């Protein structure tokens, strides 16, 4: 598959999935301080409803798109030498 073993593909997708998850986590969060209902014993910045299932599904979709882009770039044969960087020699 695109010159990539299944194990490598799964490992790369796993890394992409976690990076995307951490990028998506802050979206749509309402803190207890925002709502004005702070539960005793918790911090004011704790989320009221983190919506983790929805975020996991969105993360899976976005990670699949990013991984597909990675595979397309890998298949195209594009290398770092093909990217013009001013004043930088490999």
N, C-alpha and C. Protein backbone atom coordinates (compact mmCIF):
# COMPACT_ATOMS: atom_id res chain seq x y z
N UNK A 1 0.85 -1.18 0.00
CA UNK A 1 0.00 0.00 0.00
C UNK A 1 0.89 1.23 0.00
N UNK A 2 1.06 1.84 -1.17
CA UNK A 2 1.80 3.08 -1.32
C UNK A 2 3.23 2.97 -0.79
N UNK A 3 3.80 1.75 -0.80
CA UNK A 3 5.15 1.59 -0.28
C UNK A 3 5.22 1.69 1.23
N UNK A 4 4.12 1.41 1.90
CA UNK A 4 4.01 1.57 3.34
C UNK A 4 3.43 0.29 3.92
N UNK A 5 4.06 -0.26 4.95
CA UNK A 5 3.51 -1.46 5.56
C UNK A 5 2.24 -1.13 6.34
N UNK A 6 1.43 -2.12 6.59
CA UNK A 6 0.18 -1.92 7.34
C UNK A 6 0.50 -1.39 8.74
N UNK A 7 1.53 -1.93 9.35
CA UNK A 7 1.91 -1.50 10.70
C UNK A 7 2.31 -0.03 10.70
N UNK A 8 3.09 0.39 9.71
CA UNK A 8 3.49 1.79 9.61
C UNK A 8 2.29 2.69 9.36
N UNK A 9 1.38 2.25 8.49
CA UNK A 9 0.18 3.04 8.18
C UNK A 9 -0.67 3.22 9.42
N UNK A 10 -0.86 2.16 10.20
CA UNK A 10 -1.66 2.26 11.43
C UNK A 10 -0.97 3.18 12.43
N UNK A 11 0.35 3.07 12.55
CA UNK A 11 1.08 3.93 13.49
C UNK A 11 0.98 5.40 13.08
N UNK A 12 1.11 5.69 11.80
CA UNK A 12 1.01 7.07 11.33
C UNK A 12 -0.40 7.60 11.54
N UNK A 13 -1.42 6.78 11.23
CA UNK A 13 -2.80 7.21 11.46
C UNK A 13 -3.04 7.47 12.95
N UNK A 14 -2.50 6.63 13.80
CA UNK A 14 -2.65 6.78 15.25
C UNK A 14 -2.07 8.12 15.71
N UNK A 15 -0.89 8.48 15.22
CA UNK A 15 -0.26 9.75 15.59
C UNK A 15 -1.09 10.92 15.07
N UNK A 16 -1.54 10.83 13.80
CA UNK A 16 -2.37 11.88 13.23
C UNK A 16 -3.65 12.03 14.04
N UNK A 17 -4.27 10.91 14.43
CA UNK A 17 -5.53 10.94 15.18
C UNK A 17 -5.36 11.71 16.49
N UNK A 18 -4.29 11.43 17.22
CA UNK A 18 -4.07 12.11 18.50
C UNK A 18 -3.76 13.58 18.33
N UNK A 19 -2.99 13.94 17.31
CA UNK A 19 -2.70 15.35 17.07
C UNK A 19 -3.99 16.10 16.73
N UNK A 20 -4.82 15.49 15.89
CA UNK A 20 -6.09 16.13 15.52
C UNK A 20 -7.01 16.22 16.74
N UNK A 21 -7.03 15.19 17.58
CA UNK A 21 -7.87 15.22 18.78
C UNK A 21 -7.50 16.42 19.65
N UNK A 22 -6.21 16.63 19.89
CA UNK A 22 -5.79 17.74 20.74
C UNK A 22 -6.09 19.09 20.09
N UNK A 23 -6.15 19.12 18.76
CA UNK A 23 -6.52 20.36 18.08
C UNK A 23 -8.02 20.62 18.19
N UNK A 24 -8.83 19.56 18.22
CA UNK A 24 -10.29 19.69 18.23
C UNK A 24 -10.86 19.85 19.64
N UNK A 25 -10.17 19.37 20.64
CA UNK A 25 -10.71 19.39 22.01
C UNK A 25 -11.24 20.74 22.49
N UNK A 26 -10.57 21.85 22.23
CA UNK A 26 -11.07 23.11 22.78
C UNK A 26 -12.35 23.65 22.12
N UNK A 27 -12.70 23.17 20.94
CA UNK A 27 -13.86 23.72 20.23
C UNK A 27 -15.17 23.38 20.92
N UNK A 28 -16.01 24.37 21.11
CA UNK A 28 -17.34 24.17 21.66
C UNK A 28 -17.40 23.94 23.16
N UNK A 29 -16.31 24.18 23.85
CA UNK A 29 -16.28 23.95 25.30
C UNK A 29 -16.89 25.14 26.02
N UNK A 30 -17.80 24.85 26.92
CA UNK A 30 -18.34 25.86 27.83
C UNK A 30 -17.94 25.45 29.23
N UNK A 31 -17.26 26.35 29.91
CA UNK A 31 -16.78 26.04 31.25
C UNK A 31 -17.88 26.29 32.28
N UNK A 32 -17.65 25.77 33.48
CA UNK A 32 -18.60 26.00 34.57
C UNK A 32 -18.69 27.49 34.89
N UNK A 33 -17.59 28.20 34.73
CA UNK A 33 -17.59 29.64 34.99
C UNK A 33 -18.44 30.35 33.93
N UNK A 34 -18.39 29.91 32.67
CA UNK A 34 -19.21 30.51 31.61
C UNK A 34 -20.69 30.35 31.91
N UNK A 35 -21.07 29.16 32.37
CA UNK A 35 -22.47 28.85 32.63
C UNK A 35 -22.94 29.47 33.94
N UNK A 36 -22.01 29.62 34.89
CA UNK A 36 -22.36 30.19 36.18
C UNK A 36 -22.82 29.14 37.18
N UNK A 37 -22.52 27.88 36.92
CA UNK A 37 -22.91 26.78 37.80
C UNK A 37 -21.66 25.98 38.15
N UNK A 38 -20.98 26.39 39.21
CA UNK A 38 -19.73 25.75 39.60
C UNK A 38 -20.02 24.69 40.65
N UNK A 39 -19.65 23.46 40.34
CA UNK A 39 -19.84 22.34 41.26
C UNK A 39 -18.76 22.41 42.33
N UNK A 40 -19.16 22.23 43.57
CA UNK A 40 -18.24 22.29 44.69
C UNK A 40 -17.16 21.21 44.54
N UNK A 41 -15.93 21.61 44.70
CA UNK A 41 -14.81 20.67 44.62
C UNK A 41 -14.21 20.56 43.23
N UNK A 42 -14.71 21.32 42.28
CA UNK A 42 -14.14 21.31 40.93
C UNK A 42 -13.60 22.69 40.60
N UNK A 43 -12.76 22.73 39.59
CA UNK A 43 -12.22 24.02 39.17
C UNK A 43 -13.21 24.75 38.28
N UNK A 44 -13.15 26.06 38.27
CA UNK A 44 -14.09 26.87 37.49
C UNK A 44 -13.95 26.63 35.99
N UNK A 45 -12.75 26.21 35.55
CA UNK A 45 -12.50 26.02 34.12
C UNK A 45 -12.87 24.62 33.64
N UNK A 46 -13.45 23.79 34.50
CA UNK A 46 -13.87 22.45 34.09
C UNK A 46 -15.03 22.56 33.11
N UNK A 47 -15.02 21.73 32.04
CA UNK A 47 -16.10 21.81 31.07
C UNK A 47 -17.41 21.29 31.64
N UNK A 48 -18.52 21.90 31.19
CA UNK A 48 -19.84 21.46 31.63
C UNK A 48 -20.21 20.18 30.89
N UNK A 49 -20.13 20.20 29.57
CA UNK A 49 -20.39 19.02 28.74
C UNK A 49 -19.25 18.90 27.73
N UNK A 50 -18.30 17.99 27.94
CA UNK A 50 -17.15 17.92 27.02
C UNK A 50 -17.48 17.32 25.65
N UNK A 51 -18.59 16.60 25.49
CA UNK A 51 -19.01 16.02 24.21
C UNK A 51 -17.91 15.17 23.58
N UNK A 52 -17.34 14.25 24.35
CA UNK A 52 -16.20 13.47 23.89
C UNK A 52 -16.55 12.51 22.75
N UNK A 53 -17.75 11.95 22.75
CA UNK A 53 -18.12 11.02 21.68
C UNK A 53 -18.17 11.77 20.35
N UNK A 54 -18.80 12.93 20.35
CA UNK A 54 -18.87 13.74 19.12
C UNK A 54 -17.47 14.14 18.67
N UNK A 55 -16.63 14.54 19.61
CA UNK A 55 -15.27 14.96 19.25
C UNK A 55 -14.45 13.79 18.74
N UNK A 56 -14.66 12.59 19.28
CA UNK A 56 -13.95 11.42 18.78
C UNK A 56 -14.38 11.10 17.35
N UNK A 57 -15.66 11.25 17.05
CA UNK A 57 -16.14 11.00 15.69
C UNK A 57 -15.60 12.05 14.71
N UNK A 58 -15.61 13.30 15.10
CA UNK A 58 -15.07 14.36 14.25
C UNK A 58 -13.58 14.16 14.06
N UNK A 59 -12.88 13.79 15.12
CA UNK A 59 -11.44 13.53 15.05
C UNK A 59 -11.15 12.41 14.07
N UNK A 60 -11.95 11.35 14.12
CA UNK A 60 -11.75 10.22 13.22
C UNK A 60 -11.93 10.64 11.77
N UNK A 61 -12.94 11.45 11.50
CA UNK A 61 -13.19 11.92 10.14
C UNK A 61 -12.07 12.83 9.64
N UNK A 62 -11.68 13.80 10.45
CA UNK A 62 -10.62 14.74 10.05
C UNK A 62 -9.29 14.00 9.91
N UNK A 63 -8.98 13.08 10.82
CA UNK A 63 -7.73 12.32 10.74
C UNK A 63 -7.71 11.45 9.48
N UNK A 64 -8.86 10.90 9.09
CA UNK A 64 -8.92 10.10 7.87
C UNK A 64 -8.62 10.97 6.65
N UNK A 65 -9.13 12.19 6.64
CA UNK A 65 -8.88 13.10 5.52
C UNK A 65 -7.41 13.49 5.47
N UNK A 66 -6.83 13.81 6.62
CA UNK A 66 -5.41 14.17 6.68
C UNK A 66 -4.55 12.98 6.27
N UNK A 67 -4.91 11.78 6.73
CA UNK A 67 -4.15 10.58 6.37
C UNK A 67 -4.25 10.29 4.88
N UNK A 68 -5.43 10.50 4.29
CA UNK A 68 -5.58 10.32 2.84
C UNK A 68 -4.70 11.31 2.09
N UNK A 69 -4.63 12.55 2.57
CA UNK A 69 -3.72 13.53 1.97
C UNK A 69 -2.27 13.10 2.09
N UNK A 70 -1.92 12.55 3.24
CA UNK A 70 -0.56 12.03 3.44
C UNK A 70 -0.26 10.93 2.44
N UNK A 71 -1.20 10.01 2.24
CA UNK A 71 -1.00 8.92 1.29
C UNK A 71 -0.89 9.43 -0.14
N UNK A 72 -1.67 10.45 -0.48
CA UNK A 72 -1.58 11.02 -1.82
C UNK A 72 -0.22 11.68 -2.06
N UNK A 73 0.27 12.40 -1.07
CA UNK A 73 1.60 13.01 -1.19
C UNK A 73 2.67 11.94 -1.28
N UNK A 74 2.53 10.87 -0.49
CA UNK A 74 3.49 9.77 -0.52
C UNK A 74 3.48 9.09 -1.88
N UNK A 75 2.30 8.89 -2.44
CA UNK A 75 2.16 8.24 -3.75
C UNK A 75 2.70 9.12 -4.87
N UNK A 76 2.60 10.43 -4.74
CA UNK A 76 3.03 11.35 -5.80
C UNK A 76 4.55 11.37 -5.96
N UNK A 77 5.26 10.94 -4.95
CA UNK A 77 6.72 10.95 -5.01
C UNK A 77 7.34 12.28 -4.63
N UNK A 78 6.54 13.19 -4.12
CA UNK A 78 7.03 14.49 -3.68
C UNK A 78 7.98 14.31 -2.50
N UNK A 79 9.11 15.00 -2.56
CA UNK A 79 10.09 14.92 -1.47
C UNK A 79 10.35 16.32 -0.94
N UNK A 80 11.11 16.41 0.13
CA UNK A 80 11.43 17.71 0.71
C UNK A 80 12.29 18.55 -0.23
N UNK A 81 13.07 17.90 -1.10
CA UNK A 81 13.88 18.63 -2.06
C UNK A 81 13.02 19.35 -3.09
N UNK A 82 11.77 18.90 -3.29
CA UNK A 82 10.88 19.51 -4.27
C UNK A 82 10.20 20.78 -3.76
N UNK A 83 10.30 21.04 -2.47
CA UNK A 83 9.66 22.21 -1.88
C UNK A 83 10.68 23.35 -1.86
N UNK A 84 10.38 24.46 -2.57
CA UNK A 84 11.34 25.56 -2.60
C UNK A 84 11.37 26.33 -1.27
N UNK A 85 12.53 26.36 -0.66
CA UNK A 85 12.72 27.10 0.58
C UNK A 85 13.81 28.13 0.32
N UNK A 86 13.52 29.41 0.50
CA UNK A 86 14.52 30.44 0.18
C UNK A 86 15.74 30.36 1.10
N UNK A 87 16.91 30.31 0.48
CA UNK A 87 18.15 30.35 1.24
C UNK A 87 18.46 29.11 2.04
N UNK A 88 17.79 27.98 1.74
CA UNK A 88 18.02 26.76 2.51
C UNK A 88 18.44 25.65 1.55
N UNK A 89 19.57 25.03 1.83
CA UNK A 89 20.07 23.92 1.01
C UNK A 89 20.02 22.64 1.82
N UNK A 90 19.53 21.59 1.23
CA UNK A 90 19.49 20.28 1.91
C UNK A 90 20.84 19.71 1.82
